[in-house]
N, C-alpha and C. Protein backbone atom coordinates (compact mmCIF):
# COMPACT_ATOMS: atom_id res chain seq x y z
N MET A 1 -4.78 -15.18 15.89
CA MET A 1 -4.33 -13.82 16.08
C MET A 1 -4.87 -12.97 14.93
N ALA A 2 -5.53 -11.86 15.23
CA ALA A 2 -6.06 -10.95 14.22
C ALA A 2 -4.92 -10.05 13.74
N THR A 3 -4.70 -10.04 12.43
CA THR A 3 -3.63 -9.22 11.87
C THR A 3 -4.22 -8.07 11.07
N LYS A 4 -3.50 -6.97 11.10
CA LYS A 4 -3.91 -5.77 10.37
C LYS A 4 -2.77 -5.33 9.46
N ILE A 5 -3.13 -4.81 8.33
CA ILE A 5 -2.17 -4.13 7.46
C ILE A 5 -2.39 -2.66 7.73
N ARG A 6 -1.37 -1.98 8.24
CA ARG A 6 -1.54 -0.59 8.63
C ARG A 6 -0.26 0.20 8.41
N LEU A 7 -0.36 1.49 8.68
CA LEU A 7 0.77 2.39 8.51
C LEU A 7 1.49 2.58 9.83
N GLN A 8 2.81 2.61 9.75
CA GLN A 8 3.64 2.89 10.92
C GLN A 8 4.39 4.18 10.62
N ARG A 9 4.14 5.22 11.42
CA ARG A 9 4.67 6.55 11.12
C ARG A 9 6.14 6.69 11.47
N HIS A 10 6.85 7.35 10.57
CA HIS A 10 8.24 7.74 10.77
C HIS A 10 8.38 9.15 10.23
N GLY A 11 9.58 9.69 10.25
CA GLY A 11 9.80 11.03 9.75
C GLY A 11 9.71 12.04 10.87
N LYS A 12 9.90 13.31 10.51
CA LYS A 12 9.87 14.36 11.52
C LYS A 12 8.53 15.07 11.52
N LYS A 13 8.38 15.98 12.43
CA LYS A 13 7.14 16.72 12.57
C LYS A 13 6.85 17.50 11.29
N GLY A 14 5.66 17.31 10.75
CA GLY A 14 5.28 18.00 9.53
C GLY A 14 5.74 17.32 8.26
N LYS A 15 6.58 16.31 8.35
CA LYS A 15 7.08 15.57 7.18
C LYS A 15 6.93 14.08 7.43
N PRO A 16 5.71 13.57 7.42
CA PRO A 16 5.53 12.15 7.74
C PRO A 16 6.01 11.23 6.63
N PHE A 17 6.43 10.06 7.03
CA PHE A 17 6.83 8.99 6.14
C PHE A 17 6.34 7.71 6.80
N TYR A 18 5.72 6.85 6.05
CA TYR A 18 5.09 5.67 6.65
C TYR A 18 5.66 4.38 6.09
N TYR A 19 5.77 3.38 6.96
CA TYR A 19 6.02 2.01 6.54
C TYR A 19 4.67 1.31 6.53
N ILE A 20 4.44 0.49 5.53
CA ILE A 20 3.24 -0.34 5.50
C ILE A 20 3.63 -1.66 6.11
N VAL A 21 3.00 -2.01 7.23
CA VAL A 21 3.39 -3.20 7.98
C VAL A 21 2.18 -4.08 8.25
N VAL A 22 2.48 -5.36 8.50
CA VAL A 22 1.49 -6.30 8.99
C VAL A 22 1.77 -6.45 10.47
N ALA A 23 0.75 -6.18 11.31
CA ALA A 23 0.96 -6.21 12.75
C ALA A 23 -0.25 -6.86 13.42
N ASP A 24 -0.02 -7.32 14.64
CA ASP A 24 -1.11 -7.81 15.47
C ASP A 24 -2.03 -6.62 15.74
N ALA A 25 -3.32 -6.85 15.72
CA ALA A 25 -4.28 -5.75 15.90
C ALA A 25 -4.15 -5.09 17.27
N ARG A 26 -3.61 -5.82 18.26
CA ARG A 26 -3.49 -5.28 19.62
C ARG A 26 -2.20 -4.48 19.82
N ALA A 27 -1.26 -4.54 18.90
CA ALA A 27 0.03 -3.84 19.03
C ALA A 27 -0.17 -2.34 18.81
N PRO A 28 0.65 -1.50 19.46
CA PRO A 28 0.53 -0.05 19.25
C PRO A 28 0.94 0.36 17.83
N ARG A 29 0.54 1.55 17.46
CA ARG A 29 0.74 2.02 16.07
C ARG A 29 2.19 1.91 15.62
N ASP A 30 3.11 2.45 16.41
CA ASP A 30 4.52 2.44 16.02
C ASP A 30 5.28 1.33 16.73
N GLY A 31 4.57 0.37 17.26
CA GLY A 31 5.20 -0.69 18.04
C GLY A 31 5.58 -1.90 17.20
N ARG A 32 5.49 -3.04 17.82
CA ARG A 32 5.95 -4.29 17.23
C ARG A 32 5.10 -4.67 16.01
N PHE A 33 5.75 -5.18 14.97
CA PHE A 33 5.04 -5.62 13.79
C PHE A 33 5.58 -6.98 13.35
N ILE A 34 4.82 -7.66 12.52
CA ILE A 34 5.20 -8.99 12.05
C ILE A 34 6.11 -8.89 10.83
N GLU A 35 5.69 -8.07 9.86
CA GLU A 35 6.47 -7.95 8.63
C GLU A 35 6.24 -6.59 8.00
N ARG A 36 7.31 -6.02 7.47
CA ARG A 36 7.22 -4.76 6.74
C ARG A 36 7.05 -5.10 5.26
N ILE A 37 5.98 -4.60 4.65
CA ILE A 37 5.71 -4.97 3.25
C ILE A 37 5.81 -3.79 2.29
N GLY A 38 6.09 -2.60 2.78
CA GLY A 38 6.23 -1.48 1.86
C GLY A 38 6.41 -0.16 2.57
N SER A 39 6.37 0.91 1.78
CA SER A 39 6.49 2.25 2.33
C SER A 39 5.58 3.19 1.55
N TYR A 40 5.24 4.30 2.21
CA TYR A 40 4.34 5.30 1.63
C TYR A 40 4.86 6.67 2.02
N ASN A 41 5.12 7.52 1.02
CA ASN A 41 5.61 8.87 1.26
C ASN A 41 4.62 9.88 0.69
N PRO A 42 3.79 10.49 1.54
CA PRO A 42 2.80 11.45 1.04
C PRO A 42 3.37 12.82 0.74
N ASN A 43 4.66 13.04 1.00
CA ASN A 43 5.26 14.36 0.81
C ASN A 43 5.53 14.67 -0.66
N THR A 44 5.61 13.66 -1.51
CA THR A 44 5.87 13.88 -2.93
C THR A 44 4.54 14.03 -3.66
N ASN A 45 4.60 14.57 -4.86
CA ASN A 45 3.40 14.71 -5.67
C ASN A 45 3.63 14.09 -7.02
N PRO A 46 2.99 13.01 -7.39
CA PRO A 46 2.06 12.20 -6.63
C PRO A 46 2.78 11.41 -5.55
N ALA A 47 2.03 10.96 -4.57
CA ALA A 47 2.61 10.25 -3.43
C ALA A 47 3.38 9.01 -3.90
N THR A 48 4.51 8.74 -3.24
CA THR A 48 5.34 7.59 -3.60
C THR A 48 4.92 6.39 -2.78
N ILE A 49 4.59 5.30 -3.47
CA ILE A 49 4.18 4.07 -2.80
C ILE A 49 5.05 2.94 -3.33
N ASP A 50 5.84 2.34 -2.45
CA ASP A 50 6.63 1.16 -2.78
C ASP A 50 6.07 0.01 -1.98
N ILE A 51 5.68 -1.06 -2.66
CA ILE A 51 5.04 -2.16 -1.96
C ILE A 51 5.49 -3.48 -2.59
N ASN A 52 5.69 -4.48 -1.74
CA ASN A 52 5.98 -5.83 -2.22
C ASN A 52 4.64 -6.48 -2.56
N PHE A 53 4.32 -6.51 -3.83
CA PHE A 53 2.99 -6.90 -4.29
C PHE A 53 2.64 -8.33 -3.87
N GLU A 54 3.55 -9.27 -4.07
CA GLU A 54 3.26 -10.68 -3.79
C GLU A 54 3.05 -10.94 -2.30
N LYS A 55 3.92 -10.37 -1.46
CA LYS A 55 3.75 -10.56 -0.01
C LYS A 55 2.44 -9.95 0.47
N THR A 56 2.13 -8.77 -0.05
CA THR A 56 0.89 -8.11 0.36
C THR A 56 -0.33 -8.93 -0.08
N LEU A 57 -0.29 -9.46 -1.29
CA LEU A 57 -1.39 -10.28 -1.77
C LEU A 57 -1.54 -11.54 -0.92
N ASP A 58 -0.42 -12.15 -0.53
CA ASP A 58 -0.48 -13.33 0.34
C ASP A 58 -1.12 -12.98 1.68
N TRP A 59 -0.74 -11.86 2.28
CA TRP A 59 -1.30 -11.48 3.56
C TRP A 59 -2.80 -11.19 3.45
N VAL A 60 -3.20 -10.52 2.39
CA VAL A 60 -4.63 -10.22 2.20
C VAL A 60 -5.41 -11.52 2.00
N ASN A 61 -4.84 -12.46 1.23
CA ASN A 61 -5.51 -13.74 1.02
C ASN A 61 -5.57 -14.57 2.30
N ASN A 62 -4.63 -14.37 3.21
CA ASN A 62 -4.62 -15.12 4.47
C ASN A 62 -5.49 -14.46 5.54
N GLY A 63 -6.12 -13.33 5.22
CA GLY A 63 -7.08 -12.75 6.16
C GLY A 63 -6.64 -11.50 6.87
N ALA A 64 -5.51 -10.93 6.54
CA ALA A 64 -5.09 -9.68 7.17
C ALA A 64 -6.03 -8.56 6.71
N GLN A 65 -6.53 -7.78 7.65
CA GLN A 65 -7.48 -6.72 7.35
C GLN A 65 -6.75 -5.38 7.24
N PRO A 66 -6.81 -4.72 6.08
CA PRO A 66 -6.17 -3.40 5.97
C PRO A 66 -7.02 -2.33 6.64
N THR A 67 -6.35 -1.33 7.20
CA THR A 67 -7.06 -0.16 7.73
C THR A 67 -7.61 0.63 6.54
N ASP A 68 -8.39 1.66 6.82
CA ASP A 68 -9.03 2.42 5.73
C ASP A 68 -7.99 3.03 4.79
N THR A 69 -6.96 3.66 5.35
CA THR A 69 -5.92 4.27 4.51
C THR A 69 -5.16 3.22 3.74
N CYS A 70 -4.81 2.12 4.41
CA CYS A 70 -4.09 1.05 3.71
C CYS A 70 -4.97 0.40 2.65
N ARG A 71 -6.26 0.32 2.89
CA ARG A 71 -7.17 -0.23 1.89
C ARG A 71 -7.13 0.65 0.63
N ALA A 72 -7.11 1.96 0.81
CA ALA A 72 -7.03 2.87 -0.33
C ALA A 72 -5.70 2.70 -1.06
N ILE A 73 -4.61 2.54 -0.31
CA ILE A 73 -3.29 2.36 -0.93
C ILE A 73 -3.25 1.04 -1.69
N LEU A 74 -3.75 -0.04 -1.08
CA LEU A 74 -3.74 -1.35 -1.74
C LEU A 74 -4.64 -1.35 -2.97
N SER A 75 -5.73 -0.65 -2.90
CA SER A 75 -6.61 -0.54 -4.05
C SER A 75 -5.93 0.23 -5.17
N TYR A 76 -5.22 1.29 -4.81
CA TYR A 76 -4.49 2.10 -5.78
C TYR A 76 -3.42 1.29 -6.49
N LYS A 77 -2.75 0.42 -5.74
CA LYS A 77 -1.70 -0.40 -6.33
C LYS A 77 -2.23 -1.66 -7.02
N GLY A 78 -3.50 -2.00 -6.83
CA GLY A 78 -4.10 -3.12 -7.54
C GLY A 78 -4.13 -4.43 -6.77
N VAL A 79 -3.73 -4.43 -5.52
CA VAL A 79 -3.71 -5.67 -4.73
C VAL A 79 -5.13 -6.19 -4.54
N LEU A 80 -6.05 -5.32 -4.20
CA LEU A 80 -7.42 -5.76 -3.96
C LEU A 80 -8.11 -6.18 -5.25
N TYR A 81 -7.77 -5.55 -6.37
CA TYR A 81 -8.32 -5.96 -7.66
C TYR A 81 -7.82 -7.34 -8.05
N LYS A 82 -6.54 -7.58 -7.80
CA LYS A 82 -5.96 -8.89 -8.09
C LYS A 82 -6.64 -9.97 -7.23
N LYS A 83 -6.89 -9.67 -5.96
CA LYS A 83 -7.59 -10.61 -5.09
C LYS A 83 -9.00 -10.88 -5.62
N HIS A 84 -9.67 -9.86 -6.08
CA HIS A 84 -11.01 -9.99 -6.65
C HIS A 84 -10.99 -10.90 -7.88
N LEU A 85 -10.01 -10.70 -8.76
CA LEU A 85 -9.90 -11.54 -9.96
C LEU A 85 -9.58 -12.99 -9.60
N GLU A 86 -8.73 -13.18 -8.58
CA GLU A 86 -8.42 -14.55 -8.16
C GLU A 86 -9.66 -15.24 -7.59
N GLY A 87 -10.51 -14.48 -6.91
CA GLY A 87 -11.77 -15.05 -6.43
C GLY A 87 -12.66 -15.49 -7.58
N GLY A 88 -12.67 -14.72 -8.65
CA GLY A 88 -13.44 -15.09 -9.84
C GLY A 88 -12.91 -16.36 -10.49
N VAL A 89 -11.59 -16.52 -10.48
CA VAL A 89 -10.98 -17.73 -11.04
C VAL A 89 -11.35 -18.94 -10.19
N LYS A 90 -11.32 -18.78 -8.86
CA LYS A 90 -11.66 -19.90 -7.97
C LYS A 90 -13.12 -20.33 -8.14
N LYS A 91 -14.00 -19.37 -8.41
CA LYS A 91 -15.42 -19.69 -8.58
C LYS A 91 -15.72 -20.23 -9.97
N GLY A 92 -14.79 -20.06 -10.90
CA GLY A 92 -15.00 -20.56 -12.25
C GLY A 92 -15.60 -19.54 -13.19
N ALA A 93 -15.76 -18.30 -12.76
CA ALA A 93 -16.33 -17.26 -13.62
C ALA A 93 -15.32 -16.80 -14.68
N LEU A 94 -14.05 -16.92 -14.38
CA LEU A 94 -12.98 -16.50 -15.28
C LEU A 94 -11.93 -17.61 -15.38
N THR A 95 -11.19 -17.58 -16.47
CA THR A 95 -10.01 -18.44 -16.53
C THR A 95 -8.82 -17.61 -16.04
N GLN A 96 -7.73 -18.27 -15.74
CA GLN A 96 -6.54 -17.55 -15.25
C GLN A 96 -6.01 -16.58 -16.30
N GLU A 97 -6.08 -16.98 -17.58
CA GLU A 97 -5.60 -16.11 -18.66
C GLU A 97 -6.45 -14.85 -18.77
N GLN A 98 -7.77 -15.00 -18.65
CA GLN A 98 -8.65 -13.84 -18.71
C GLN A 98 -8.37 -12.89 -17.55
N ALA A 99 -8.18 -13.45 -16.37
CA ALA A 99 -7.88 -12.63 -15.20
C ALA A 99 -6.57 -11.89 -15.39
N ASP A 100 -5.55 -12.58 -15.91
CA ASP A 100 -4.26 -11.93 -16.14
C ASP A 100 -4.38 -10.81 -17.17
N GLU A 101 -5.18 -11.05 -18.23
CA GLU A 101 -5.37 -10.02 -19.25
C GLU A 101 -6.07 -8.79 -18.67
N LYS A 102 -7.10 -9.02 -17.86
CA LYS A 102 -7.83 -7.91 -17.25
C LYS A 102 -6.91 -7.11 -16.32
N PHE A 103 -6.11 -7.83 -15.54
CA PHE A 103 -5.21 -7.13 -14.62
C PHE A 103 -4.14 -6.35 -15.38
N ALA A 104 -3.61 -6.93 -16.46
CA ALA A 104 -2.61 -6.23 -17.27
C ALA A 104 -3.21 -4.97 -17.90
N ALA A 105 -4.43 -5.08 -18.40
CA ALA A 105 -5.09 -3.91 -19.00
C ALA A 105 -5.31 -2.83 -17.94
N TRP A 106 -5.74 -3.23 -16.75
CA TRP A 106 -5.96 -2.27 -15.67
C TRP A 106 -4.64 -1.59 -15.28
N THR A 107 -3.58 -2.39 -15.20
CA THR A 107 -2.26 -1.85 -14.83
C THR A 107 -1.78 -0.84 -15.87
N ASP A 108 -1.96 -1.15 -17.16
CA ASP A 108 -1.55 -0.22 -18.21
C ASP A 108 -2.33 1.08 -18.14
N GLN A 109 -3.63 0.98 -17.89
CA GLN A 109 -4.46 2.17 -17.77
C GLN A 109 -4.02 3.01 -16.57
N LYS A 110 -3.75 2.36 -15.47
CA LYS A 110 -3.33 3.05 -14.25
C LYS A 110 -1.99 3.75 -14.46
N ASP A 111 -1.05 3.05 -15.11
CA ASP A 111 0.26 3.66 -15.39
C ASP A 111 0.11 4.86 -16.30
N GLY A 112 -0.80 4.78 -17.26
CA GLY A 112 -1.05 5.92 -18.15
C GLY A 112 -1.57 7.13 -17.40
N LYS A 113 -2.47 6.89 -16.44
CA LYS A 113 -2.99 7.99 -15.64
C LYS A 113 -1.90 8.63 -14.80
N ILE A 114 -1.06 7.79 -14.19
CA ILE A 114 0.02 8.30 -13.34
C ILE A 114 1.01 9.10 -14.17
N THR A 115 1.38 8.57 -15.34
CA THR A 115 2.31 9.27 -16.22
C THR A 115 1.70 10.60 -16.68
N GLY A 116 0.41 10.59 -17.00
CA GLY A 116 -0.27 11.83 -17.40
C GLY A 116 -0.25 12.86 -16.30
N LYS A 117 -0.50 12.43 -15.08
CA LYS A 117 -0.49 13.36 -13.96
C LYS A 117 0.90 13.94 -13.74
N LYS A 118 1.92 13.08 -13.83
CA LYS A 118 3.29 13.57 -13.64
C LYS A 118 3.65 14.57 -14.73
N SER A 119 3.30 14.28 -15.98
CA SER A 119 3.63 15.20 -17.07
C SER A 119 2.85 16.51 -16.92
N ASP A 120 1.59 16.44 -16.48
CA ASP A 120 0.82 17.66 -16.24
C ASP A 120 1.46 18.50 -15.15
N LEU A 121 1.93 17.85 -14.09
CA LEU A 121 2.58 18.58 -13.00
C LEU A 121 3.87 19.24 -13.47
N VAL A 122 4.64 18.53 -14.29
CA VAL A 122 5.90 19.08 -14.80
C VAL A 122 5.61 20.27 -15.71
N SER A 123 4.62 20.13 -16.61
CA SER A 123 4.30 21.23 -17.51
C SER A 123 3.75 22.43 -16.74
N ALA A 124 2.93 22.17 -15.72
CA ALA A 124 2.41 23.28 -14.90
C ALA A 124 3.55 23.99 -14.17
N LYS A 125 4.51 23.22 -13.69
CA LYS A 125 5.65 23.81 -12.99
C LYS A 125 6.48 24.65 -13.96
N ASP A 126 6.68 24.15 -15.19
CA ASP A 126 7.43 24.91 -16.19
C ASP A 126 6.69 26.20 -16.55
N GLU A 127 5.37 26.11 -16.72
CA GLU A 127 4.59 27.31 -17.05
C GLU A 127 4.65 28.33 -15.92
N ALA A 128 4.59 27.85 -14.69
CA ALA A 128 4.68 28.75 -13.54
C ALA A 128 6.05 29.43 -13.50
N ARG A 129 7.09 28.67 -13.81
CA ARG A 129 8.44 29.24 -13.83
C ARG A 129 8.56 30.29 -14.92
N LYS A 130 8.01 30.00 -16.13
CA LYS A 130 8.06 30.97 -17.22
C LYS A 130 7.28 32.23 -16.87
N ALA A 131 6.11 32.07 -16.24
CA ALA A 131 5.31 33.23 -15.85
C ALA A 131 6.06 34.06 -14.80
N ALA A 132 6.73 33.39 -13.87
CA ALA A 132 7.48 34.10 -12.85
C ALA A 132 8.65 34.87 -13.47
N LEU A 133 9.33 34.26 -14.44
CA LEU A 133 10.43 34.95 -15.11
C LEU A 133 9.92 36.15 -15.91
N ALA A 134 8.77 35.99 -16.57
CA ALA A 134 8.20 37.10 -17.33
C ALA A 134 7.80 38.24 -16.39
N ALA A 135 7.20 37.90 -15.27
CA ALA A 135 6.81 38.93 -14.30
C ALA A 135 8.03 39.63 -13.73
N GLU A 136 9.09 38.86 -13.47
CA GLU A 136 10.31 39.47 -12.94
C GLU A 136 10.95 40.39 -13.99
N ALA A 137 10.95 39.96 -15.26
CA ALA A 137 11.50 40.80 -16.32
C ALA A 137 10.70 42.10 -16.44
N LYS A 138 9.36 42.00 -16.32
CA LYS A 138 8.53 43.19 -16.39
C LYS A 138 8.81 44.13 -15.22
N ARG A 139 8.96 43.55 -14.02
CA ARG A 139 9.27 44.38 -12.84
C ARG A 139 10.62 45.07 -13.03
N ASN A 140 11.60 44.34 -13.54
CA ASN A 140 12.93 44.94 -13.76
C ASN A 140 12.87 46.05 -14.80
N ALA A 141 12.09 45.84 -15.87
CA ALA A 141 11.95 46.87 -16.90
C ALA A 141 11.25 48.10 -16.32
N ASP A 142 10.21 47.89 -15.52
CA ASP A 142 9.51 49.01 -14.89
C ASP A 142 10.43 49.77 -13.94
N LYS A 143 11.22 49.01 -13.19
CA LYS A 143 12.15 49.63 -12.25
C LYS A 143 13.21 50.44 -13.00
N ALA A 144 13.72 49.89 -14.11
CA ALA A 144 14.73 50.60 -14.91
C ALA A 144 14.12 51.86 -15.52
N ALA A 145 12.88 51.76 -15.98
CA ALA A 145 12.21 52.93 -16.55
C ALA A 145 11.99 54.00 -15.48
N ALA A 146 11.63 53.58 -14.28
CA ALA A 146 11.43 54.53 -13.19
C ALA A 146 12.73 55.23 -12.84
N ILE A 147 13.81 54.49 -12.80
CA ILE A 147 15.11 55.08 -12.48
C ILE A 147 15.53 56.04 -13.59
N ALA A 148 15.31 55.62 -14.84
CA ALA A 148 15.67 56.50 -15.96
C ALA A 148 14.81 57.76 -15.93
N ALA A 149 13.53 57.61 -15.61
CA ALA A 149 12.65 58.79 -15.54
C ALA A 149 13.06 59.70 -14.39
N LYS A 150 13.50 59.11 -13.31
CA LYS A 150 13.91 59.90 -12.15
C LYS A 150 15.19 60.68 -12.46
N ASN A 151 16.12 60.05 -13.17
CA ASN A 151 17.38 60.70 -13.49
C ASN A 151 17.24 61.69 -14.63
N THR A 152 16.41 61.43 -15.61
CA THR A 152 16.27 62.29 -16.78
C THR A 152 15.63 63.63 -16.45
N PRO A 153 14.56 63.72 -15.70
CA PRO A 153 13.96 65.04 -15.43
C PRO A 153 14.89 65.98 -14.68
N VAL A 154 15.78 65.47 -13.88
CA VAL A 154 16.71 66.33 -13.15
C VAL A 154 17.60 67.07 -14.14
N ALA A 155 18.08 66.40 -15.16
CA ALA A 155 18.92 67.04 -16.17
C ALA A 155 18.09 68.03 -16.98
N GLU A 156 16.83 67.73 -17.31
CA GLU A 156 15.99 68.65 -18.08
C GLU A 156 15.66 69.89 -17.27
N GLU A 157 15.43 69.75 -15.97
CA GLU A 157 15.12 70.90 -15.13
C GLU A 157 16.29 71.86 -15.09
N VAL A 158 17.51 71.33 -15.04
CA VAL A 158 18.69 72.20 -15.04
C VAL A 158 18.77 72.94 -16.36
N GLU A 159 18.49 72.25 -17.46
CA GLU A 159 18.54 72.91 -18.76
C GLU A 159 17.41 73.92 -18.88
N GLU A 160 16.22 73.60 -18.32
CA GLU A 160 15.10 74.53 -18.38
C GLU A 160 15.38 75.75 -17.51
N GLU A 161 16.05 75.59 -16.39
CA GLU A 161 16.35 76.71 -15.51
C GLU A 161 17.36 77.64 -16.16
N ALA A 162 18.28 77.07 -16.90
CA ALA A 162 19.29 77.91 -17.55
C ALA A 162 18.66 78.85 -18.57
N PRO A 163 17.80 78.39 -19.49
CA PRO A 163 17.18 79.35 -20.41
C PRO A 163 16.28 80.35 -19.67
N ALA A 164 15.64 79.92 -18.64
CA ALA A 164 14.79 80.84 -17.89
C ALA A 164 15.65 81.92 -17.24
N ALA A 165 16.80 81.52 -16.75
CA ALA A 165 17.71 82.51 -16.15
C ALA A 165 18.22 83.47 -17.21
N GLU A 166 18.51 82.98 -18.41
CA GLU A 166 18.95 83.85 -19.50
C GLU A 166 17.86 84.84 -19.87
N GLU A 167 16.60 84.35 -19.87
CA GLU A 167 15.49 85.22 -20.21
C GLU A 167 15.34 86.34 -19.16
N THR A 168 15.50 86.02 -17.90
CA THR A 168 15.37 87.04 -16.86
C THR A 168 16.53 88.02 -16.94
N GLU A 169 17.73 87.51 -17.26
CA GLU A 169 18.86 88.42 -17.41
C GLU A 169 18.64 89.35 -18.59
N ALA A 170 18.13 88.80 -19.66
CA ALA A 170 17.85 89.63 -20.84
C ALA A 170 16.78 90.66 -20.52
N ALA A 171 15.78 90.25 -19.76
CA ALA A 171 14.70 91.17 -19.39
C ALA A 171 15.23 92.27 -18.49
N THR A 172 16.12 91.95 -17.55
CA THR A 172 16.68 92.97 -16.67
C THR A 172 17.60 93.91 -17.44
N GLU A 173 18.30 93.39 -18.43
CA GLU A 173 19.18 94.23 -19.24
C GLU A 173 18.36 95.23 -20.04
N THR A 174 17.25 94.77 -20.59
CA THR A 174 16.41 95.68 -21.36
C THR A 174 15.77 96.72 -20.46
N GLU A 175 15.46 96.33 -19.24
CA GLU A 175 14.88 97.29 -18.30
C GLU A 175 15.94 98.34 -17.92
N GLU A 176 17.17 97.86 -17.72
CA GLU A 176 18.24 98.77 -17.33
C GLU A 176 18.57 99.74 -18.47
N SER A 177 18.57 99.25 -19.67
CA SER A 177 18.86 100.10 -20.82
C SER A 177 17.73 101.09 -21.07
N ALA A 178 16.54 100.70 -20.71
CA ALA A 178 15.39 101.59 -20.88
C ALA A 178 15.43 102.70 -19.84
N GLU A 179 16.04 102.51 -18.75
CA GLU A 179 16.08 103.54 -17.72
C GLU A 179 17.13 104.51 -18.08
């Protein structure tokens, strides 16, 4: 029986969530499967991948063929690299200790990249929030200045009209006295 490691879709429209399953190649996408070995959530940033590493490695070593997307996921998690190192040990190119050291170094490097990406995303989100707050404060200050400017000229116009009225009254009085 030809087995495939593939994704089984769940979730609602526009919000997919996948189970990583081992299934017969002839079974439908969301149909019957042999074993569920993990999950993949592309909705988070970075995507959340939970996988049973040992079971997946056993299935890959027994000949299960991953689909293209699952191959990328397994490569990202290091399953295919571990299989490659085990092949080197079987051929005698590496000792088991060397293979374990290489895999541990690769895992540490990968974890560092993931942690860096998460921290960059958090800092970018904080900077965006600070910029939004600054823009909102500026808009509020502009709006308050506009309201103050709108209210202030009305009071000045009334004061300006009053002296102008006094001037016209004084001018009419002088005209009347001159007559």
